Amino acid sequence: MDGAAEVKKEKKIKTVCVTGAGGFVASWLVQRLLSSGDYVVHGTVRDPGDPKNEHLRMMGGAGDERLRLFRADVLDYASVAAAVAGCGGVFHVASPVPAAKPYNPDAEILAPAVAGTRNVLQACHEASVRRVVVVSSAAAVILNPAFPRDAVLDEDAWSDEHYCRAIENWYCLSKMLAEREAWRFAADNAGMDVVTVCPPLVLGPLLQSTVNTSSSILINLLKGDQEIAASDKKRNVVDVRDLADALVLTYENPAASGRYICSAYGLKVSEMAGIVRRFYPDIDYPKFVGVEDERMLSSKKLQKLGWKFRTVEECLRDSVQSYKAAGILN
């Protein structure tokens, strides 16, 4: 047997679960895990037979039962436990993202985010999962009026619950409460190894057939659909492919612990448009109105772990190329 064959024989395939596998971030994570050849992936989706999940089955490495889709809802504990069973690691990505103003935010967004996280962690605890990587958000970090406007925030920063409620930013509140629930559960259950990753605005090419909320921000800017898209705010941004790498890194690296901000760039919306214009001069752009910038984020902790990211030019070029290929900008 030659050396390469011996290495392949000795390679131990690991089984992990990805919740909300059909979504924008989770799809890239599933592809990243499958392409490595190191993993069997249990992916939870609402309906494995739904055509919108077909892109998962078409991924390289998805054959030979290396990808198993489970019908699951994070609010249904039994369905989550079935997907997590036999897994050494879990990536909890699924979370409600409101497309419109909720009628009952506690019932529609807050309770599902917190209860879903609790169910996933409880199932992981019962299954003796080695490590759980929870995808939180910069939304759990930056929304706090006590922070100076020029502050560069790290993992010690948290959004303020009362402020989130006062301005009715239910998404930020849901991500903060869900992440706090993850840390509470880890503290109450000895042996639970939990890591959280907090990305800001996530852009990059689409794998799924539907348009997700974060991608729609850039798409609406390019299509000029919404006046709000012309607000010239400085934003924290990360490419979805680099986020997927960060999630795998924080799972695989034994030194990973605690919270990680995963942000690659800080730039104005008008600067994004200027970069895209270099590649696609035929696209019309709105005028921009100055608004208060986001607090900027530092990813030094994640970079010390070995995380690297592509250029913002590559991120935006590939994003728009993907939208064009899908006919979204027509």
Protein backbone atom coordinates (compact mmCIF):
# COMPACT_ATOMS: atom_id res chain seq x y z
CA MET A 1 0.00 0.00 0.00
CA ASP A 2 1.50 3.39 -0.95
CA GLY A 3 1.82 6.29 1.50
CA ALA A 4 -1.15 8.23 0.15
CA ALA A 5 -3.40 5.18 0.45
CA GLU A 6 -2.27 4.64 4.03
CA VAL A 7 -3.06 8.23 4.93
CA LYS A 8 -6.51 7.91 3.35
CA LYS A 9 -7.15 4.67 5.23
CA GLU A 10 -6.14 6.23 8.52
CA LYS A 11 -8.20 9.37 7.98
CA LYS A 12 -11.03 9.39 10.47
CA ILE A 13 -14.29 10.78 9.14
CA LYS A 14 -16.07 12.97 11.69
CA THR A 15 -19.81 13.49 11.90
CA VAL A 16 -21.19 16.97 12.59
CA CYS A 17 -24.60 18.60 12.48
CA VAL A 18 -25.45 21.95 10.84
CA THR A 19 -28.79 23.49 11.82
CA GLY A 20 -30.71 25.47 9.19
CA ALA A 21 -28.54 23.84 6.52
CA GLY A 22 -30.37 25.38 3.54
CA GLY A 23 -29.65 28.99 4.51
CA PHE A 24 -27.04 31.35 3.07
CA VAL A 25 -24.31 30.90 5.69
CA ALA A 26 -25.10 27.29 6.50
CA SER A 27 -25.02 26.24 2.82
CA TRP A 28 -21.47 27.52 2.47
CA LEU A 29 -20.54 25.83 5.74
CA VAL A 30 -21.96 22.50 4.52
CA GLN A 31 -20.03 22.85 1.26
CA ARG A 32 -16.85 23.69 3.17
CA LEU A 33 -17.24 20.62 5.40
CA LEU A 34 -18.05 18.25 2.54
CA SER A 35 -15.26 19.54 0.28
CA SER A 36 -12.64 18.79 2.94
CA GLY A 37 -13.47 15.08 2.75
CA ASP A 38 -13.20 14.93 6.54
CA TYR A 39 -16.88 15.07 7.49
CA VAL A 40 -20.26 13.43 7.31
CA VAL A 41 -22.83 16.22 7.69
CA HIS A 42 -26.25 15.99 9.29
CA GLY A 43 -28.17 19.02 8.01
CA THR A 44 -31.45 20.11 9.55
CA VAL A 45 -34.06 21.64 7.22
CA ARG A 46 -37.79 22.21 7.54
CA ASP A 47 -38.55 19.92 4.58
CA PRO A 48 -35.85 17.72 3.00
CA GLY A 49 -38.03 17.34 -0.11
CA ASP A 50 -38.40 21.07 -0.74
CA PRO A 51 -36.77 22.02 -4.08
CA LYS A 52 -35.06 24.98 -2.39
CA ASN A 53 -32.78 22.45 -0.63
CA GLU A 54 -31.75 20.74 -3.87
CA HIS A 55 -28.50 22.73 -4.00
CA LEU A 56 -27.36 20.81 -0.92
CA ARG A 57 -27.79 17.43 -2.59
CA MET A 58 -25.93 18.68 -5.67
CA MET A 59 -22.81 19.62 -3.73
CA GLY A 60 -19.58 17.76 -4.36
CA GLY A 61 -19.11 15.16 -1.65
CA ALA A 62 -22.83 14.99 -0.82
CA GLY A 63 -23.10 11.44 -2.19
CA ASP A 64 -22.35 8.15 -0.42
CA GLU A 65 -24.51 9.34 2.49
CA ARG A 66 -21.92 11.99 3.43
CA LEU A 67 -24.81 14.47 3.61
CA ARG A 68 -27.96 13.46 5.48
CA LEU A 69 -30.84 15.92 5.60
CA PHE A 70 -33.10 15.73 8.64
CA ARG A 71 -36.60 17.15 8.87
CA ALA A 72 -36.26 19.29 11.97
CA ASP A 73 -37.40 22.46 13.64
CA VAL A 74 -35.22 23.86 16.42
CA LEU A 75 -38.41 24.39 18.46
CA ASP A 76 -39.12 20.63 18.28
CA TYR A 77 -36.64 19.05 20.67
CA ALA A 78 -37.13 15.46 19.50
CA SER A 79 -36.39 16.38 15.88
CA VAL A 80 -33.22 18.24 16.90
CA ALA A 81 -32.07 15.36 19.10
CA ALA A 82 -32.48 12.91 16.20
CA ALA A 83 -30.28 15.07 13.96
CA VAL A 84 -27.62 15.59 16.63
CA ALA A 85 -27.40 11.91 17.63
CA GLY A 86 -24.01 10.42 16.73
CA CYS A 87 -22.38 13.80 16.06
CA GLY A 88 -19.08 14.88 17.55
CA GLY A 89 -19.74 18.54 16.80
CA VAL A 90 -22.66 20.84 16.07
CA PHE A 91 -22.86 24.17 14.25
CA HIS A 92 -25.99 26.01 15.34
CA VAL A 93 -26.70 28.40 12.46
CA ALA A 94 -30.52 28.45 12.28
CA SER A 95 -32.16 31.61 13.62
CA PRO A 96 -35.29 33.57 12.72
CA VAL A 97 -34.54 36.66 10.61
CA PRO A 98 -37.59 38.95 10.38
CA ALA A 99 -38.31 40.19 6.87
CA ALA A 100 -40.92 42.63 8.12
CA LYS A 101 -41.90 44.30 11.37
CA PRO A 102 -43.31 41.53 13.61
CA TYR A 103 -46.78 41.82 15.11
CA ASN A 104 -45.72 39.95 18.24
CA PRO A 105 -41.91 40.08 18.54
CA ASP A 106 -41.72 37.96 21.67
CA ALA A 107 -43.62 35.09 20.08
CA GLU A 108 -42.34 35.49 16.51
CA ILE A 109 -38.64 36.19 17.08
CA LEU A 110 -37.38 36.31 20.66
CA ALA A 111 -38.84 33.10 22.10
CA PRO A 112 -37.93 30.97 19.03
CA ALA A 113 -34.34 32.26 19.02
CA VAL A 114 -33.81 31.55 22.73
CA ALA A 115 -35.79 28.31 22.92
CA GLY A 116 -34.21 27.02 19.71
CA THR A 117 -30.73 27.63 21.05
CA ARG A 118 -31.64 25.95 24.35
CA ASN A 119 -33.04 22.90 22.52
CA VAL A 120 -29.93 22.53 20.37
CA LEU A 121 -27.60 22.79 23.38
CA GLN A 122 -29.72 20.40 25.44
CA ALA A 123 -29.63 17.85 22.61
CA CYS A 124 -25.85 18.34 22.34
CA HIS A 125 -25.43 17.84 26.07
CA GLU A 126 -27.48 14.63 26.03
CA ALA A 127 -25.50 13.33 23.02
CA SER A 128 -22.09 14.21 24.61
CA VAL A 129 -21.17 16.43 21.65
CA ARG A 130 -17.50 17.50 21.79
CA ARG A 131 -17.96 21.14 20.79
CA VAL A 132 -20.83 23.40 19.78
CA VAL A 133 -20.20 26.43 17.57
CA VAL A 134 -23.08 28.90 17.84
CA VAL A 135 -23.45 31.51 15.11
CA SER A 136 -24.38 34.68 16.93
CA SER A 137 -24.11 38.10 15.30
CA ALA A 138 -22.47 41.51 15.49
CA ALA A 139 -26.04 42.51 16.33
CA ALA A 140 -25.34 41.08 19.79
CA VAL A 141 -22.25 43.29 20.08
CA ILE A 142 -22.67 46.79 18.66
CA LEU A 143 -26.09 48.16 19.66
CA ASN A 144 -25.32 50.04 22.84
CA PRO A 145 -25.58 53.85 23.17
CA ALA A 146 -22.92 53.81 25.90
CA PHE A 147 -20.23 52.96 23.34
CA PRO A 148 -18.37 55.99 21.92
CA ARG A 149 -19.08 56.58 18.23
CA ASP A 150 -15.43 56.05 17.34
CA ALA A 151 -15.09 52.90 19.43
CA VAL A 152 -13.58 49.74 17.93
CA LEU A 153 -15.36 46.93 19.71
CA ASP A 154 -14.02 43.53 20.71
CA GLU A 155 -15.54 40.40 22.24
CA ASP A 156 -16.19 42.09 25.60
CA ALA A 157 -18.85 44.37 24.07
CA TRP A 158 -22.55 43.49 24.30
CA SER A 159 -25.64 45.16 22.89
CA ASP A 160 -27.94 46.70 25.49
CA GLU A 161 -31.22 44.83 25.98
CA HIS A 162 -33.24 47.86 27.12
CA TYR A 163 -32.00 49.96 24.22
CA CYS A 164 -32.84 47.21 21.70
CA ARG A 165 -36.37 47.06 23.10
CA ALA A 166 -36.72 50.84 23.12
CA ILE A 167 -35.84 51.15 19.42
CA GLU A 168 -37.68 47.89 18.61
CA ASN A 169 -34.68 46.24 17.01
CA TRP A 170 -35.97 42.72 17.56
CA TYR A 171 -33.35 40.96 15.45
CA CYS A 172 -30.47 42.41 17.49
CA LEU A 173 -32.28 41.57 20.69
CA SER A 174 -32.99 38.01 19.57
CA LYS A 175 -29.34 37.36 18.70
CA MET A 176 -28.14 38.83 22.00
CA LEU A 177 -30.63 36.86 24.11
CA ALA A 178 -29.90 33.64 22.20
CA GLU A 179 -26.15 34.03 22.68
CA ARG A 180 -26.58 34.80 26.37
CA GLU A 181 -28.72 31.65 26.64
CA ALA A 182 -25.90 29.63 25.06
CA TRP A 183 -23.42 30.92 27.63
CA ARG A 184 -25.87 30.37 30.49
CA PHE A 185 -26.44 26.78 29.41
CA ALA A 186 -22.70 26.16 29.08
CA ALA A 187 -22.11 27.55 32.58
CA ASP A 188 -24.86 25.39 34.07
CA ASN A 189 -23.70 22.15 32.41
CA ALA A 190 -20.16 21.08 33.20
CA GLY A 191 -18.27 19.74 30.21
CA MET A 192 -20.19 21.75 27.59
CA ASP A 193 -17.65 23.23 25.17
CA VAL A 194 -19.34 26.18 23.49
CA VAL A 195 -17.80 28.74 21.12
CA THR A 196 -19.75 31.64 19.61
CA VAL A 197 -18.95 33.50 16.39
CA CYS A 198 -20.34 36.98 15.74
CA PRO A 199 -20.41 38.04 12.06
CA PRO A 200 -21.67 41.43 10.83
CA LEU A 201 -23.28 41.98 7.40
CA VAL A 202 -22.55 38.81 5.42
CA LEU A 203 -22.13 39.14 1.65
CA GLY A 204 -20.76 36.84 -1.04
CA PRO A 205 -22.08 34.57 -3.79
CA LEU A 206 -25.33 32.67 -3.30
CA LEU A 207 -25.55 28.90 -3.26
CA GLN A 208 -29.25 28.76 -2.38
CA SER A 209 -32.02 29.65 -4.84
CA THR A 210 -33.70 32.19 -2.56
CA VAL A 211 -32.41 35.66 -1.62
CA ASN A 212 -31.48 35.98 2.04
CA THR A 213 -31.85 39.12 4.13
CA SER A 214 -28.18 40.20 4.22
CA SER A 215 -27.69 39.74 0.46
CA SER A 216 -30.85 41.75 -0.21
CA ILE A 217 -29.17 44.83 1.27
CA LEU A 218 -26.61 44.89 -1.54
CA ILE A 219 -29.14 43.72 -4.14
CA ASN A 220 -31.56 46.53 -3.22
CA LEU A 221 -28.72 49.03 -3.51
CA LEU A 222 -27.88 47.78 -7.00
CA LYS A 223 -31.51 47.65 -8.12
CA GLY A 224 -32.45 50.94 -6.45
CA ASP A 225 -35.55 49.26 -5.00
CA GLN A 226 -35.59 50.90 -1.59
CA GLU A 227 -34.69 54.39 -0.48
CA ILE A 228 -33.20 52.93 2.70
CA ALA A 229 -30.54 51.22 0.57
CA ALA A 230 -29.11 54.67 -0.20
CA SER A 231 -28.27 55.40 3.45
CA ASP A 232 -24.52 55.87 3.39
CA LYS A 233 -23.65 54.08 6.61
CA LYS A 234 -20.19 52.70 7.36
CA ARG A 235 -20.75 48.99 7.89
CA ASN A 236 -18.83 45.97 9.08
CA VAL A 237 -18.81 43.26 6.40
CA VAL A 238 -17.54 39.70 5.96
CA ASP A 239 -17.58 37.32 2.99
CA VAL A 240 -19.73 34.24 3.58
CA ARG A 241 -16.89 31.95 2.46
CA ASP A 242 -14.53 33.45 5.01
CA LEU A 243 -17.21 33.11 7.68
CA ALA A 244 -17.57 29.41 6.82
CA ASP A 245 -13.79 29.06 7.21
CA ALA A 246 -14.00 30.80 10.60
CA LEU A 247 -16.70 28.42 11.80
CA VAL A 248 -14.64 25.37 10.84
CA LEU A 249 -11.53 26.92 12.39
CA THR A 250 -13.22 27.57 15.72
CA TYR A 251 -14.54 24.01 15.70
CA GLU A 252 -11.30 22.28 14.78
CA ASN A 253 -8.77 24.35 16.72
CA PRO A 254 -8.45 23.03 20.30
CA ALA A 255 -7.29 26.47 21.45
CA ALA A 256 -10.57 28.13 20.43
CA SER A 257 -12.65 29.32 23.36
CA GLY A 258 -15.25 31.94 24.16
CA ARG A 259 -16.53 34.53 21.73
CA TYR A 260 -15.12 35.52 18.34
CA ILE A 261 -15.97 38.57 16.23
CA CYS A 262 -15.71 37.66 12.53
CA SER A 263 -15.52 40.91 10.56
CA ALA A 264 -13.22 41.58 7.62
CA TYR A 265 -13.94 45.11 6.38
CA GLY A 266 -15.35 48.42 7.50
CA LEU A 267 -16.56 50.59 4.63
CA LYS A 268 -19.29 53.01 3.60
CA VAL A 269 -22.15 51.80 1.43
CA SER A 270 -21.06 54.35 -1.19
CA GLU A 271 -17.59 52.76 -1.14
CA MET A 272 -19.18 49.37 -1.83
CA ALA A 273 -20.98 50.91 -4.80
CA GLY A 274 -17.74 52.46 -6.02
CA ILE A 275 -15.96 49.08 -5.94
CA VAL A 276 -18.82 47.34 -7.75
CA ARG A 277 -18.89 50.12 -10.36
CA ARG A 278 -15.29 49.25 -11.31
CA PHE A 279 -16.42 45.74 -12.30
CA TYR A 280 -19.95 46.57 -13.48
CA PRO A 281 -20.10 50.17 -14.79
CA ASP A 282 -23.50 49.52 -16.40
CA ILE A 283 -25.33 49.34 -13.06
CA ASP A 284 -27.24 52.44 -11.95
CA TYR A 285 -26.71 53.64 -8.40
CA PRO A 286 -28.84 55.83 -6.15
CA LYS A 287 -27.70 58.98 -4.47
CA PHE A 288 -26.44 58.55 -0.93
CA VAL A 289 -27.60 60.18 2.28
CA GLY A 290 -25.24 60.36 5.24
CA VAL A 291 -26.37 58.56 8.40
CA GLU A 292 -24.72 57.50 11.66
CA ASP A 293 -22.08 54.81 11.14
CA GLU A 294 -21.96 51.46 12.86
CA ARG A 295 -19.40 51.00 15.60
CA MET A 296 -16.42 49.26 14.07
CA LEU A 297 -15.39 45.75 15.09
CA SER A 298 -12.04 44.09 15.74
CA SER A 299 -11.36 40.49 14.68
CA LYS A 300 -7.87 40.36 16.19
CA LYS A 301 -8.78 37.43 18.45
CA LEU A 302 -9.98 35.36 15.49
CA GLN A 303 -6.96 36.34 13.39
CA LYS A 304 -4.64 35.19 16.19
CA LEU A 305 -6.33 31.80 15.86
CA GLY A 306 -5.26 31.74 12.19
CA TRP A 307 -8.25 33.24 10.38
CA LYS A 308 -7.61 34.96 7.06
CA PHE A 309 -10.01 36.67 4.66
CA ARG A 310 -10.18 37.58 0.98
CA THR A 311 -10.20 41.13 -0.36
CA VAL A 312 -13.34 43.24 -0.32
CA GLU A 313 -13.00 43.58 -4.11
CA GLU A 314 -13.24 39.80 -4.53
CA CYS A 315 -16.17 39.61 -2.12
CA LEU A 316 -18.21 42.27 -3.93
CA ARG A 317 -17.25 41.17 -7.46
CA ASP A 318 -18.26 37.56 -6.75
CA SER A 319 -21.46 38.66 -5.00
CA VAL A 320 -22.68 40.69 -7.98
CA GLN A 321 -21.56 38.04 -10.46
CA SER A 322 -23.69 35.55 -8.53
CA TYR A 323 -26.73 37.87 -8.54
CA LYS A 324 -26.37 38.42 -12.28
CA ALA A 325 -26.04 34.68 -12.97
CA ALA A 326 -29.22 34.04 -10.98
CA GLY A 327 -31.11 36.74 -12.90
CA ILE A 328 -31.75 38.68 -9.69
CA LEU A 329 -30.58 42.02 -11.09
CA ASN A 330 -32.65 41.79 -14.29
